[in-house]
């Protein structure tokens, strides 16, 4: 996992395994590769392109860029980084936003995919991206962020690389107001429901028939027999669910944003007790519905509480069949909750 010098950046928004989103000047970020939102022609453009040339050394970088010639939208080319704190610059040409009906999204997907593939070919261990095409090209920032994260997530399923997404404007990675509004409403609903249930708890605290049924079930078995018939541990049930899912270990721990070492510890220890955010992340990676999630969590003595914002948010996404851990983590961060993973 990357070490983060928090003093060198203005704001850390969210950090999960292999991905960091920061507010900073990309020309000051240390990485093996810096991605530049390039002019399609060998000339200095505006915004990020201008800043990269100025920091790297305009004369030398422009001479290298001239050797490449034109770059088509969605494609990329490599030059040395010269005075930048990097080894290489990958120049990629983003789409100019014309309303979204001229292939802009497909081009932007390609910018990220081709740049990441190129960086892998350079054997880079780290890469820093700007939010491509959101400046003078006018691509909507919320959509651009979604595309960036989707391509990065896809790439990291099969590759090990530290990816830094660098933005200037906090608005570039604010959650949509519609989503926040829906979750605010859902949290309020759960609070009202919990309050209503607590008012009537006295009527549910004791029921003679239920108490007698419980006593009968206890009398049927001795304590030793009950202990011998204990079910699967968290680790045993988790490994069974992984086998049944058809996924391998690597796919699961990457989707859960936990590292290989931690997952190895879980696999080795039949009585492993995970942290709550780790256990929930594994449930999300396996796309468990709410009953299956609650069953797995209960085996680690973890419950989802109606009074916890973290738990309410997890319920919100799971009951809607949404298992995008990047989106869930962004929402958890927005509400001041711990993010999923290790």
C-alpha atoms as a PDB file:
ATOM      1  CA  UNK A   1       0.000   0.000   0.000  1.00  0.00           C
ATOM      2  CA  UNK A   2       1.188   3.532  -0.754  1.00  0.00           C
ATOM      3  CA  UNK A   3       2.529   5.735   1.984  1.00  0.00           C
ATOM      4  CA  UNK A   4       0.820   9.104   1.969  1.00  0.00           C
ATOM      5  CA  UNK A   5       2.508  12.376   2.886  1.00  0.00           C
ATOM      6  CA  UNK A   6      -0.567  14.246   4.057  1.00  0.00           C
ATOM      7  CA  UNK A   7       1.287  17.557   4.302  1.00  0.00           C
ATOM      8  CA  UNK A   8       2.015  17.509   0.569  1.00  0.00           C
ATOM      9  CA  UNK A   9      -1.644  17.629  -0.455  1.00  0.00           C
ATOM     10  CA  UNK A  10      -4.459  20.047   0.183  1.00  0.00           C
ATOM     11  CA  UNK A  11      -7.157  17.492   0.864  1.00  0.00           C
ATOM     12  CA  UNK A  12      -7.399  13.711   1.029  1.00  0.00           C
ATOM     13  CA  UNK A  13     -10.899  12.728  -0.049  1.00  0.00           C
ATOM     14  CA  UNK A  14     -10.893   8.936  -0.007  1.00  0.00           C
ATOM     15  CA  UNK A  15      -8.135   6.353   0.134  1.00  0.00           C
ATOM     16  CA  UNK A  16      -8.728   2.679  -0.445  1.00  0.00           C
ATOM     17  CA  UNK A  17      -6.417  -0.072  -1.535  1.00  0.00           C
ATOM     18  CA  UNK A  18      -4.385   1.080  -4.586  1.00  0.00           C
ATOM     19  CA  UNK A  19      -6.547   4.165  -5.269  1.00  0.00           C
ATOM     20  CA  UNK A  20      -6.179   7.672  -3.879  1.00  0.00           C
ATOM     21  CA  UNK A  21      -8.215  10.747  -4.788  1.00  0.00           C
ATOM     22  CA  UNK A  22      -6.604  14.033  -3.776  1.00  0.00           C
ATOM     23  CA  UNK A  23      -6.849  17.769  -4.312  1.00  0.00           C
ATOM     24  CA  UNK A  24      -3.488  18.997  -5.505  1.00  0.00           C
ATOM     25  CA  UNK A  25      -1.496  20.287  -8.461  1.00  0.00           C
ATOM     26  CA  UNK A  26      -0.667  17.225 -10.560  1.00  0.00           C
ATOM     27  CA  UNK A  27       2.753  18.635 -11.458  1.00  0.00           C
ATOM     28  CA  UNK A  28       3.708  18.312  -7.763  1.00  0.00           C
ATOM     29  CA  UNK A  29       2.566  14.724  -7.315  1.00  0.00           C
ATOM     30  CA  UNK A  30       5.283  12.074  -7.117  1.00  0.00           C
ATOM     31  CA  UNK A  31       4.508   9.047  -9.262  1.00  0.00           C
ATOM     32  CA  UNK A  32       6.283   6.940 -11.875  1.00  0.00           C
ATOM     33  CA  UNK A  33       3.874   8.244 -14.521  1.00  0.00           C
ATOM     34  CA  UNK A  34       2.065  11.570 -14.821  1.00  0.00           C
ATOM     35  CA  UNK A  35      -0.829  11.656 -17.273  1.00  0.00           C
ATOM     36  CA  UNK A  36      -1.275  14.846 -19.262  1.00  0.00           C
ATOM     37  CA  UNK A  37      -4.508  15.912 -20.935  1.00  0.00           C
ATOM     38  CA  UNK A  38      -2.775  16.702 -24.179  1.00  0.00           C
ATOM     39  CA  UNK A  39      -3.438  18.860 -27.187  1.00  0.00           C
ATOM     40  CA  UNK A  40      -4.035  16.515 -30.165  1.00  0.00           C
ATOM     41  CA  UNK A  41      -1.352  18.420 -32.073  1.00  0.00           C
ATOM     42  CA  UNK A  42       2.287  18.960 -31.028  1.00  0.00           C
ATOM     43  CA  UNK A  43       1.587  22.323 -29.440  1.00  0.00           C
ATOM     44  CA  UNK A  44       1.085  23.563 -25.896  1.00  0.00           C
ATOM     45  CA  UNK A  45      -2.585  23.697 -24.956  1.00  0.00           C
ATOM     46  CA  UNK A  46      -4.387  25.154 -21.970  1.00  0.00           C
ATOM     47  CA  UNK A  47      -5.103  24.021 -18.411  1.00  0.00           C
ATOM     48  CA  UNK A  48      -3.298  20.859 -17.344  1.00  0.00           C
ATOM     49  CA  UNK A  49      -1.361  20.651 -20.598  1.00  0.00           C
ATOM     50  CA  UNK A  50       0.099  24.126 -20.115  1.00  0.00           C
ATOM     51  CA  UNK A  51       0.963  23.410 -16.465  1.00  0.00           C
ATOM     52  CA  UNK A  52       2.710  20.138 -17.339  1.00  0.00           C
ATOM     53  CA  UNK A  53       4.849  21.782 -20.033  1.00  0.00           C
ATOM     54  CA  UNK A  54       5.804  24.626 -17.706  1.00  0.00           C
ATOM     55  CA  UNK A  55       6.825  22.271 -14.873  1.00  0.00           C
ATOM     56  CA  UNK A  56       8.630  19.743 -17.096  1.00  0.00           C
ATOM     57  CA  UNK A  57      10.479  22.318 -19.203  1.00  0.00           C
ATOM     58  CA  UNK A  58       8.687  23.609 -22.271  1.00  0.00           C
ATOM     59  CA  UNK A  59      11.524  23.439 -24.803  1.00  0.00           C
ATOM     60  CA  UNK A  60      12.608  19.843 -24.145  1.00  0.00           C
ATOM     61  CA  UNK A  61       9.098  18.468 -23.711  1.00  0.00           C
ATOM     62  CA  UNK A  62       7.783  20.188 -26.843  1.00  0.00           C
ATOM     63  CA  UNK A  63      10.691  18.759 -28.861  1.00  0.00           C
ATOM     64  CA  UNK A  64       9.810  15.215 -27.702  1.00  0.00           C
ATOM     65  CA  UNK A  65       6.134  15.827 -28.317  1.00  0.00           C
ATOM     66  CA  UNK A  66       6.891  16.961 -31.880  1.00  0.00           C
ATOM     67  CA  UNK A  67       8.537  13.582 -32.577  1.00  0.00           C
ATOM     68  CA  UNK A  68       5.213  11.865 -31.823  1.00  0.00           C
ATOM     69  CA  UNK A  69       3.049  13.984 -34.095  1.00  0.00           C
ATOM     70  CA  UNK A  70      -0.734  14.061 -33.776  1.00  0.00           C
ATOM     71  CA  UNK A  71      -2.546  11.946 -31.169  1.00  0.00           C
ATOM     72  CA  UNK A  72      -6.102  10.829 -31.861  1.00  0.00           C
ATOM     73  CA  UNK A  73      -8.801  11.333 -29.205  1.00  0.00           C
ATOM     74  CA  UNK A  74      -8.816   8.411 -26.771  1.00  0.00           C
ATOM     75  CA  UNK A  75      -5.238   7.424 -27.622  1.00  0.00           C
ATOM     76  CA  UNK A  76      -1.968   8.047 -25.762  1.00  0.00           C
ATOM     77  CA  UNK A  77       1.777   8.463 -26.266  1.00  0.00           C
ATOM     78  CA  UNK A  78       4.805   8.582 -23.946  1.00  0.00           C
ATOM     79  CA  UNK A  79       7.618  11.079 -23.380  1.00  0.00           C
ATOM     80  CA  UNK A  80      10.232  11.473 -20.655  1.00  0.00           C
ATOM     81  CA  UNK A  81       9.072  13.537 -17.672  1.00  0.00           C
ATOM     82  CA  UNK A  82      12.140  15.817 -17.610  1.00  0.00           C
ATOM     83  CA  UNK A  83      11.821  18.136 -14.573  1.00  0.00           C
ATOM     84  CA  UNK A  84       8.597  16.624 -13.232  1.00  0.00           C
ATOM     85  CA  UNK A  85       8.856  14.294 -10.181  1.00  0.00           C
ATOM     86  CA  UNK A  86       8.144  11.283 -12.426  1.00  0.00           C
ATOM     87  CA  UNK A  87       9.817   8.982 -14.936  1.00  0.00           C
ATOM     88  CA  UNK A  88       7.346   9.377 -17.784  1.00  0.00           C
ATOM     89  CA  UNK A  89       4.515  11.524 -19.070  1.00  0.00           C
ATOM     90  CA  UNK A  90       1.663   9.786 -20.831  1.00  0.00           C
ATOM     91  CA  UNK A  91      -0.081  12.252 -23.129  1.00  0.00           C
ATOM     92  CA  UNK A  92      -3.721  11.369 -23.827  1.00  0.00           C
ATOM     93  CA  UNK A  93      -6.274  13.356 -25.804  1.00  0.00           C
ATOM     94  CA  UNK A  94      -9.700  13.639 -24.205  1.00  0.00           C
ATOM     95  CA  UNK A  95     -13.031  14.326 -25.876  1.00  0.00           C
ATOM     96  CA  UNK A  96     -14.521  17.758 -26.315  1.00  0.00           C
ATOM     97  CA  UNK A  97     -18.007  17.663 -24.767  1.00  0.00           C
ATOM     98  CA  UNK A  98     -20.705  18.269 -27.378  1.00  0.00           C
ATOM     99  CA  UNK A  99     -23.741  17.156 -25.416  1.00  0.00           C
ATOM    100  CA  UNK A 100     -22.806  13.503 -24.996  1.00  0.00           C
ATOM    101  CA  UNK A 101     -24.122  12.176 -28.310  1.00  0.00           C
ATOM    102  CA  UNK A 102     -20.852  12.137 -30.248  1.00  0.00           C
ATOM    103  CA  UNK A 103     -18.984   9.282 -28.569  1.00  0.00           C
ATOM    104  CA  UNK A 104     -17.534  11.457 -25.809  1.00  0.00           C
ATOM    105  CA  UNK A 105     -17.989   8.847 -23.089  1.00  0.00           C
ATOM    106  CA  UNK A 106     -16.412   6.059 -25.132  1.00  0.00           C
ATOM    107  CA  UNK A 107     -13.411   8.290 -25.887  1.00  0.00           C
ATOM    108  CA  UNK A 108     -12.954   9.136 -22.216  1.00  0.00           C
ATOM    109  CA  UNK A 109     -13.138   5.451 -21.234  1.00  0.00           C
ATOM    110  CA  UNK A 110     -10.406   4.820 -23.799  1.00  0.00           C
ATOM    111  CA  UNK A 111      -8.205   7.621 -22.401  1.00  0.00           C
ATOM    112  CA  UNK A 112      -8.047   5.898 -19.033  1.00  0.00           C
ATOM    113  CA  UNK A 113      -7.864   2.339 -20.340  1.00  0.00           C
ATOM    114  CA  UNK A 114      -5.086   3.067 -22.862  1.00  0.00           C
ATOM    115  CA  UNK A 115      -3.093   5.158 -20.371  1.00  0.00           C
ATOM    116  CA  UNK A 116      -3.252   2.415 -17.723  1.00  0.00           C
ATOM    117  CA  UNK A 117      -2.260  -0.242 -20.251  1.00  0.00           C
ATOM    118  CA  UNK A 118       0.641   1.932 -21.397  1.00  0.00           C
ATOM    119  CA  UNK A 119       1.785   2.477 -17.805  1.00  0.00           C
ATOM    120  CA  UNK A 120       1.694  -1.276 -17.206  1.00  0.00           C
ATOM    121  CA  UNK A 121       3.890  -1.727 -20.275  1.00  0.00           C
ATOM    122  CA  UNK A 122       6.353   0.735 -18.748  1.00  0.00           C
ATOM    123  CA  UNK A 123       6.358  -1.405 -15.556  1.00  0.00           C
ATOM    124  CA  UNK A 124       5.216   1.613 -13.574  1.00  0.00           C
ATOM    125  CA  UNK A 125       4.281   1.082  -9.932  1.00  0.00           C
ATOM    126  CA  UNK A 126       2.294   4.320  -9.679  1.00  0.00           C
ATOM    127  CA  UNK A 127       0.392   6.654 -11.970  1.00  0.00           C
ATOM    128  CA  UNK A 128      -1.270  10.043 -11.410  1.00  0.00           C
ATOM    129  CA  UNK A 129      -4.249  11.167 -13.499  1.00  0.00           C
ATOM    130  CA  UNK A 130      -5.973  14.520 -13.749  1.00  0.00           C
ATOM    131  CA  UNK A 131      -9.733  14.370 -14.191  1.00  0.00           C
ATOM    132  CA  UNK A 132      -9.404  14.173 -17.968  1.00  0.00           C
ATOM    133  CA  UNK A 133     -11.451  16.492 -20.249  1.00  0.00           C
ATOM    134  CA  UNK A 134     -13.246  18.334 -17.425  1.00  0.00           C
ATOM    135  CA  UNK A 135     -11.451  21.642 -17.962  1.00  0.00           C
ATOM    136  CA  UNK A 136     -11.612  23.540 -21.244  1.00  0.00           C
ATOM    137  CA  UNK A 137     -13.106  20.448 -22.948  1.00  0.00           C
ATOM    138  CA  UNK A 138     -16.177  20.766 -20.702  1.00  0.00           C
ATOM    139  CA  UNK A 139     -16.881  17.112 -19.856  1.00  0.00           C
ATOM    140  CA  UNK A 140     -19.319  16.967 -16.852  1.00  0.00           C
ATOM    141  CA  UNK A 141     -17.249  16.335 -13.745  1.00  0.00           C
ATOM    142  CA  UNK A 142     -19.547  13.832 -12.055  1.00  0.00           C
ATOM    143  CA  UNK A 143     -19.703  11.644 -15.159  1.00  0.00           C
ATOM    144  CA  UNK A 144     -15.963  12.010 -15.705  1.00  0.00           C
ATOM    145  CA  UNK A 145     -15.284  10.785 -12.170  1.00  0.00           C
ATOM    146  CA  UNK A 146     -17.571   7.770 -12.645  1.00  0.00           C
ATOM    147  CA  UNK A 147     -15.783   6.839 -15.874  1.00  0.00           C
ATOM    148  CA  UNK A 148     -12.352   7.289 -14.294  1.00  0.00           C
ATOM    149  CA  UNK A 149     -13.191   5.070 -11.327  1.00  0.00           C
ATOM    150  CA  UNK A 150     -14.842   2.393 -13.458  1.00  0.00           C
ATOM    151  CA  UNK A 151     -11.777   2.049 -15.701  1.00  0.00           C
ATOM    152  CA  UNK A 152      -9.353   2.153 -12.764  1.00  0.00           C
ATOM    153  CA  UNK A 153     -11.373  -0.485 -10.910  1.00  0.00           C
ATOM    154  CA  UNK A 154     -11.458  -2.710 -13.994  1.00  0.00           C
ATOM    155  CA  UNK A 155      -7.693  -2.348 -14.479  1.00  0.00           C
ATOM    156  CA  UNK A 156      -6.867  -3.129 -10.848  1.00  0.00           C
ATOM    157  CA  UNK A 157      -8.763  -6.414 -10.996  1.00  0.00           C
ATOM    158  CA  UNK A 158      -5.825  -7.818 -12.993  1.00  0.00           C
ATOM    159  CA  UNK A 159      -2.935  -5.475 -12.169  1.00  0.00           C
ATOM    160  CA  UNK A 160      -1.021  -4.154  -9.165  1.00  0.00           C
ATOM    161  CA  UNK A 161      -0.462  -0.403  -9.463  1.00  0.00           C
ATOM    162  CA  UNK A 162      -1.017   2.586  -7.206  1.00  0.00           C
ATOM    163  CA  UNK A 163      -3.373   5.027  -8.931  1.00  0.00           C
ATOM    164  CA  UNK A 164      -3.738   8.663  -7.891  1.00  0.00           C
ATOM    165  CA  UNK A 165      -6.611  10.738  -9.227  1.00  0.00           C
ATOM    166  CA  UNK A 166      -5.783  14.430  -8.846  1.00  0.00           C
ATOM    167  CA  UNK A 167      -8.461  17.123  -8.868  1.00  0.00           C
ATOM    168  CA  UNK A 168      -8.437  20.843  -8.168  1.00  0.00           C
ATOM    169  CA  UNK A 169     -12.096  21.409  -7.448  1.00  0.00           C
ATOM    170  CA  UNK A 170     -13.957  19.610  -4.656  1.00  0.00           C
ATOM    171  CA  UNK A 171     -17.105  19.824  -6.807  1.00  0.00           C
ATOM    172  CA  UNK A 172     -15.444  17.324  -9.111  1.00  0.00           C
ATOM    173  CA  UNK A 173     -16.002  14.574  -6.604  1.00  0.00           C
ATOM    174  CA  UNK A 174     -19.034  15.644  -4.583  1.00  0.00           C
ATOM    175  CA  UNK A 175     -21.813  13.096  -4.551  1.00  0.00           C
ATOM    176  CA  UNK A 176     -24.847  13.869  -6.608  1.00  0.00           C
ATOM    177  CA  UNK A 177     -27.439  15.810  -4.636  1.00  0.00           C
ATOM    178  CA  UNK A 178     -30.099  13.352  -5.724  1.00  0.00           C
ATOM    179  CA  UNK A 179     -28.245  10.392  -4.181  1.00  0.00           C
ATOM    180  CA  UNK A 180     -27.441  12.285  -0.990  1.00  0.00           C
ATOM    181  CA  UNK A 181     -31.055  13.377  -0.719  1.00  0.00           C
ATOM    182  CA  UNK A 182     -32.303   9.807  -1.078  1.00  0.00           C
ATOM    183  CA  UNK A 183     -29.920   8.554   1.583  1.00  0.00           C
ATOM    184  CA  UNK A 184     -30.758  11.430   3.949  1.00  0.00           C
ATOM    185  CA  UNK A 185     -34.422  10.510   3.553  1.00  0.00           C
ATOM    186  CA  UNK A 186     -33.675   6.828   4.126  1.00  0.00           C
ATOM    187  CA  UNK A 187     -31.672   7.570   7.311  1.00  0.00           C
ATOM    188  CA  UNK A 188     -34.534   9.717   8.604  1.00  0.00           C
ATOM    189  CA  UNK A 189     -37.033   6.947   7.854  1.00  0.00           C
ATOM    190  CA  UNK A 190     -34.941   4.425   9.771  1.00  0.00           C
ATOM    191  CA  UNK A 191     -34.647   6.798  12.726  1.00  0.00           C
ATOM    192  CA  UNK A 192     -38.421   7.258  12.847  1.00  0.00           C
ATOM    193  CA  UNK A 193     -38.952   3.505  12.557  1.00  0.00           C
ATOM    194  CA  UNK A 194     -36.514   2.819  15.369  1.00  0.00           C
ATOM    195  CA  UNK A 195     -38.166   5.427  17.608  1.00  0.00           C
ATOM    196  CA  UNK A 196     -41.600   3.932  16.934  1.00  0.00           C
ATOM    197  CA  UNK A 197     -40.410   0.453  17.779  1.00  0.00           C
ATOM    198  CA  UNK A 198     -38.801   1.608  21.029  1.00  0.00           C
ATOM    199  CA  UNK A 199     -42.087   3.181  22.197  1.00  0.00           C
ATOM    200  CA  UNK A 200     -43.804  -0.201  22.023  1.00  0.00           C
ATOM    201  CA  UNK A 201     -40.927  -2.349  23.226  1.00  0.00           C
ATOM    202  CA  UNK A 202     -42.721  -2.987  26.529  1.00  0.00           C
ATOM    203  CA  UNK A 203     -45.452  -4.898  24.733  1.00  0.00           C
ATOM    204  CA  UNK A 204     -42.903  -7.179  23.041  1.00  0.00           C
ATOM    205  CA  UNK A 205     -40.508  -7.763  25.862  1.00  0.00           C
ATOM    206  CA  UNK A 206     -42.217 -10.888  27.203  1.00  0.00           C
ATOM    207  CA  UNK A 207     -44.591 -13.329  25.607  1.00  0.00           C
ATOM    208  CA  UNK A 208     -45.417 -16.477  27.622  1.00  0.00           C
ATOM    209  CA  UNK A 209     -45.850 -18.764  24.612  1.00  0.00           C
ATOM    210  CA  UNK A 210     -42.577 -17.635  23.046  1.00  0.00           C
ATOM    211  CA  UNK A 211     -40.725 -18.016  26.341  1.00  0.00           C
ATOM    212  CA  UNK A 212     -42.058 -21.559  26.816  1.00  0.00           C
ATOM    213  CA  UNK A 213     -41.057 -22.517  23.262  1.00  0.00           C
ATOM    214  CA  UNK A 214     -37.541 -21.231  23.862  1.00  0.00           C
ATOM    215  CA  UNK A 215     -37.247 -23.128  27.136  1.00  0.00           C
ATOM    216  CA  UNK A 216     -38.364 -26.347  25.444  1.00  0.00           C
ATOM    217  CA  UNK A 217     -35.694 -26.017  22.747  1.00  0.00           C
ATOM    218  CA  UNK A 218     -33.004 -25.548  25.392  1.00  0.00           C
ATOM    219  CA  UNK A 219     -34.183 -28.583  27.384  1.00  0.00           C
ATOM    220  CA  UNK A 220     -33.982 -30.779  24.275  1.00  0.00           C
ATOM    221  CA  UNK A 221     -30.184 -30.585  24.203  1.00  0.00           C
ATOM    222  CA  UNK A 222     -27.505 -30.666  26.855  1.00  0.00           C
ATOM    223  CA  UNK A 223     -24.960 -27.856  26.821  1.00  0.00           C
ATOM    224  CA  UNK A 224     -22.288 -30.191  25.429  1.00  0.00           C
ATOM    225  CA  UNK A 225     -24.613 -31.292  22.628  1.00  0.00           C
ATOM    226  CA  UNK A 226     -25.464 -27.697  21.799  1.00  0.00           C
ATOM    227  CA  UNK A 227     -21.802 -26.726  21.612  1.00  0.00           C
ATOM    228  CA  UNK A 228     -20.942 -29.717  19.450  1.00  0.00           C
ATOM    229  CA  UNK A 229     -23.627 -28.746  16.949  1.00  0.00           C
ATOM    230  CA  UNK A 230     -22.329 -25.179  16.579  1.00  0.00           C
ATOM    231  CA  UNK A 231     -22.402 -24.028  12.968  1.00  0.00           C
ATOM    232  CA  UNK A 232     -19.687 -22.777  10.647  1.00  0.00           C
ATOM    233  CA  UNK A 233     -17.335 -20.045  11.778  1.00  0.00           C
ATOM    234  CA  UNK A 234     -17.053 -16.773   9.856  1.00  0.00           C
ATOM    235  CA  UNK A 235     -14.003 -18.104   8.019  1.00  0.00           C
ATOM    236  CA  UNK A 236     -15.636 -21.417   7.108  1.00  0.00           C
ATOM    237  CA  UNK A 237     -18.820 -19.811   5.827  1.00  0.00           C
ATOM    238  CA  UNK A 238     -16.841 -17.148   3.925  1.00  0.00           C
ATOM    239  CA  UNK A 239     -14.699 -19.715   2.126  1.00  0.00           C
ATOM    240  CA  UNK A 240     -17.782 -21.764   1.249  1.00  0.00           C
ATOM    241  CA  UNK A 241     -19.513 -18.669  -0.152  1.00  0.00           C
ATOM    242  CA  UNK A 242     -16.441 -17.884  -2.243  1.00  0.00           C
ATOM    243  CA  UNK A 243     -16.439 -21.399  -3.700  1.00  0.00           C
ATOM    244  CA  UNK A 244     -20.148 -21.162  -4.467  1.00  0.00           C
ATOM    245  CA  UNK A 245     -19.707 -17.744  -6.107  1.00  0.00           C
ATOM    246  CA  UNK A 246     -17.281 -19.089  -8.702  1.00  0.00           C
ATOM    247  CA  UNK A 247     -14.796 -16.321  -7.909  1.00  0.00           C
ATOM    248  CA  UNK A 248     -11.233 -16.955  -6.797  1.00  0.00           C
ATOM    249  CA  UNK A 249      -9.548 -15.460  -3.741  1.00  0.00           C
ATOM    250  CA  UNK A 250      -7.821 -12.693  -5.699  1.00  0.00           C
ATOM    251  CA  UNK A 251     -11.059 -11.443  -7.242  1.00  0.00           C
ATOM    252  CA  UNK A 252     -12.761 -11.383  -3.842  1.00  0.00           C
ATOM    253  CA  UNK A 253     -10.097  -9.546  -1.849  1.00  0.00           C
ATOM    254  CA  UNK A 254      -9.605  -7.014  -4.627  1.00  0.00           C
ATOM    255  CA  UNK A 255     -13.329  -6.336  -4.864  1.00  0.00           C
ATOM    256  CA  UNK A 256     -13.369  -5.996  -1.066  1.00  0.00           C
ATOM    257  CA  UNK A 257     -10.396  -3.578  -1.098  1.00  0.00           C
ATOM    258  CA  UNK A 258      -8.369  -5.655   1.329  1.00  0.00           C
ATOM    259  CA  UNK A 259      -4.806  -6.749   0.742  1.00  0.00           C
ATOM    260  CA  UNK A 260      -3.491 -10.222   0.085  1.00  0.00           C
ATOM    261  CA  UNK A 261      -1.743 -10.487   3.449  1.00  0.00           C
ATOM    262  CA  UNK A 262      -4.948  -9.851   5.395  1.00  0.00           C
ATOM    263  CA  UNK A 263      -6.914 -12.311   3.286  1.00  0.00           C
ATOM    264  CA  UNK A 264      -4.208 -14.934   3.848  1.00  0.00           C
ATOM    265  CA  UNK A 265      -4.620 -14.413   7.597  1.00  0.00           C
ATOM    266  CA  UNK A 266      -8.354 -15.058   7.275  1.00  0.00           C
ATOM    267  CA  UNK A 267      -7.791 -18.206   5.217  1.00  0.00           C
ATOM    268  CA  UNK A 268      -5.256 -19.617   7.706  1.00  0.00           C
ATOM    269  CA  UNK A 269      -7.311 -19.043  10.860  1.00  0.00           C
ATOM    270  CA  UNK A 270     -10.590 -20.923  11.184  1.00  0.00           C
ATOM    271  CA  UNK A 271     -11.581 -18.718  14.134  1.00  0.00           C
ATOM    272  CA  UNK A 272     -10.582 -15.406  12.552  1.00  0.00           C
ATOM    273  CA  UNK A 273     -12.508 -12.388  13.885  1.00  0.00           C
ATOM    274  CA  UNK A 274     -12.557  -9.593  11.284  1.00  0.00           C
ATOM    275  CA  UNK A 275     -13.137  -5.907  11.837  1.00  0.00           C
ATOM    276  CA  UNK A 276     -16.655  -4.903  10.945  1.00  0.00           C
ATOM    277  CA  UNK A 277     -15.671  -2.865   7.876  1.00  0.00           C
ATOM    278  CA  UNK A 278     -13.576  -5.788   6.592  1.00  0.00           C
ATOM    279  CA  UNK A 279     -16.406  -8.278   7.087  1.00  0.00           C
ATOM    280  CA  UNK A 280     -18.939  -5.988   5.411  1.00  0.00           C
ATOM    281  CA  UNK A 281     -16.531  -5.350   2.511  1.00  0.00           C
ATOM    282  CA  UNK A 282     -16.280  -9.099   1.900  1.00  0.00           C
ATOM    283  CA  UNK A 283     -20.082  -9.333   1.894  1.00  0.00           C
ATOM    284  CA  UNK A 284     -20.223  -6.545  -0.702  1.00  0.00           C
ATOM    285  CA  UNK A 285     -17.550  -8.251  -2.810  1.00  0.00           C
ATOM    286  CA  UNK A 286     -19.638 -11.441  -2.809  1.00  0.00           C
ATOM    287  CA  UNK A 287     -22.838  -9.463  -3.566  1.00  0.00           C
ATOM    288  CA  UNK A 288     -24.698 -11.075  -0.670  1.00  0.00           C
ATOM    289  CA  UNK A 289     -28.303 -10.115  -0.141  1.00  0.00           C
ATOM    290  CA  UNK A 290     -29.306  -8.814   3.291  1.00  0.00           C
ATOM    291  CA  UNK A 291     -30.222 -12.174   4.928  1.00  0.00           C
ATOM    292  CA  UNK A 292     -27.016 -13.830   3.665  1.00  0.00           C
ATOM    293  CA  UNK A 293     -24.963 -10.822   4.790  1.00  0.00           C
ATOM    294  CA  UNK A 294     -26.507 -10.832   8.258  1.00  0.00           C
ATOM    295  CA  UNK A 295     -25.884 -14.565   8.541  1.00  0.00           C
ATOM    296  CA  UNK A 296     -22.190 -14.232   7.640  1.00  0.00           C
ATOM    297  CA  UNK A 297     -21.693 -11.225   9.933  1.00  0.00           C
ATOM    298  CA  UNK A 298     -23.388 -13.010  12.835  1.00  0.00           C
ATOM    299  CA  UNK A 299     -20.697 -15.702  12.654  1.00  0.00           C
ATOM    300  CA  UNK A 300     -18.178 -13.001  13.607  1.00  0.00           C
ATOM    301  CA  UNK A 301     -20.565 -11.698  16.300  1.00  0.00           C
ATOM    302  CA  UNK A 302     -21.281  -8.608  14.170  1.00  0.00           C
ATOM    303  CA  UNK A 303     -24.757  -7.151  13.757  1.00  0.00           C
ATOM    304  CA  UNK A 304     -26.260  -4.355  11.673  1.00  0.00           C
ATOM    305  CA  UNK A 305     -27.793  -1.823  14.028  1.00  0.00           C
ATOM    306  CA  UNK A 306     -30.772   0.432  13.164  1.00  0.00           C
ATOM    307  CA  UNK A 307     -29.105   3.235  15.146  1.00  0.00           C
ATOM    308  CA  UNK A 308     -25.797   3.281  13.224  1.00  0.00           C
ATOM    309  CA  UNK A 309     -25.442   5.503  10.140  1.00  0.00           C
ATOM    310  CA  UNK A 310     -22.771   3.133   8.823  1.00  0.00           C
ATOM    311  CA  UNK A 311     -25.166   0.195   9.069  1.00  0.00           C
ATOM    312  CA  UNK A 312     -28.112   2.130   7.630  1.00  0.00           C
ATOM    313  CA  UNK A 313     -26.047   3.142   4.595  1.00  0.00           C
ATOM    314  CA  UNK A 314     -24.935  -0.459   4.043  1.00  0.00           C
ATOM    315  CA  UNK A 315     -28.559  -1.611   4.249  1.00  0.00           C
ATOM    316  CA  UNK A 316     -29.568   1.115   1.771  1.00  0.00           C
ATOM    317  CA  UNK A 317     -27.210  -0.172  -0.907  1.00  0.00           C
ATOM    318  CA  UNK A 318     -27.602  -3.914  -0.265  1.00  0.00           C
ATOM    319  CA  UNK A 319     -31.409  -3.849  -0.297  1.00  0.00           C
ATOM    320  CA  UNK A 320     -31.221  -2.077  -3.670  1.00  0.00           C
ATOM    321  CA  UNK A 321     -28.770  -4.601  -5.091  1.00  0.00           C
ATOM    322  CA  UNK A 322     -25.992  -1.992  -5.440  1.00  0.00           C
ATOM    323  CA  UNK A 323     -22.579  -3.536  -4.725  1.00  0.00           C
ATOM    324  CA  UNK A 324     -20.208  -0.917  -6.178  1.00  0.00           C
ATOM    325  CA  UNK A 325     -17.732  -0.536  -3.326  1.00  0.00           C
ATOM    326  CA  UNK A 326     -16.362   2.714  -4.761  1.00  0.00           C
ATOM    327  CA  UNK A 327     -19.798   4.332  -4.676  1.00  0.00           C
ATOM    328  CA  UNK A 328     -20.519   2.939  -1.213  1.00  0.00           C
ATOM    329  CA  UNK A 329     -17.201   4.218   0.132  1.00  0.00           C
ATOM    330  CA  UNK A 330     -17.839   7.675  -1.320  1.00  0.00           C
ATOM    331  CA  UNK A 331     -21.191   7.784   0.478  1.00  0.00           C
ATOM    332  CA  UNK A 332     -19.697   6.514   3.747  1.00  0.00           C
ATOM    333  CA  UNK A 333     -17.037   9.210   3.523  1.00  0.00           C
ATOM    334  CA  UNK A 334     -19.679  11.856   2.828  1.00  0.00           C
ATOM    335  CA  UNK A 335     -21.444  10.926   6.086  1.00  0.00           C
ATOM    336  CA  UNK A 336     -18.261  10.739   8.152  1.00  0.00           C
ATOM    337  CA  UNK A 337     -18.263   6.943   8.416  1.00  0.00           C
ATOM    338  CA  UNK A 338     -15.322   4.502   8.093  1.00  0.00           C
ATOM    339  CA  UNK A 339     -14.873   3.237   4.547  1.00  0.00           C
ATOM    340  CA  UNK A 340     -14.993  -0.433   3.613  1.00  0.00           C
ATOM    341  CA  UNK A 341     -11.882  -2.560   3.350  1.00  0.00           C
ATOM    342  CA  UNK A 342      -8.706  -2.718   5.368  1.00  0.00           C
END
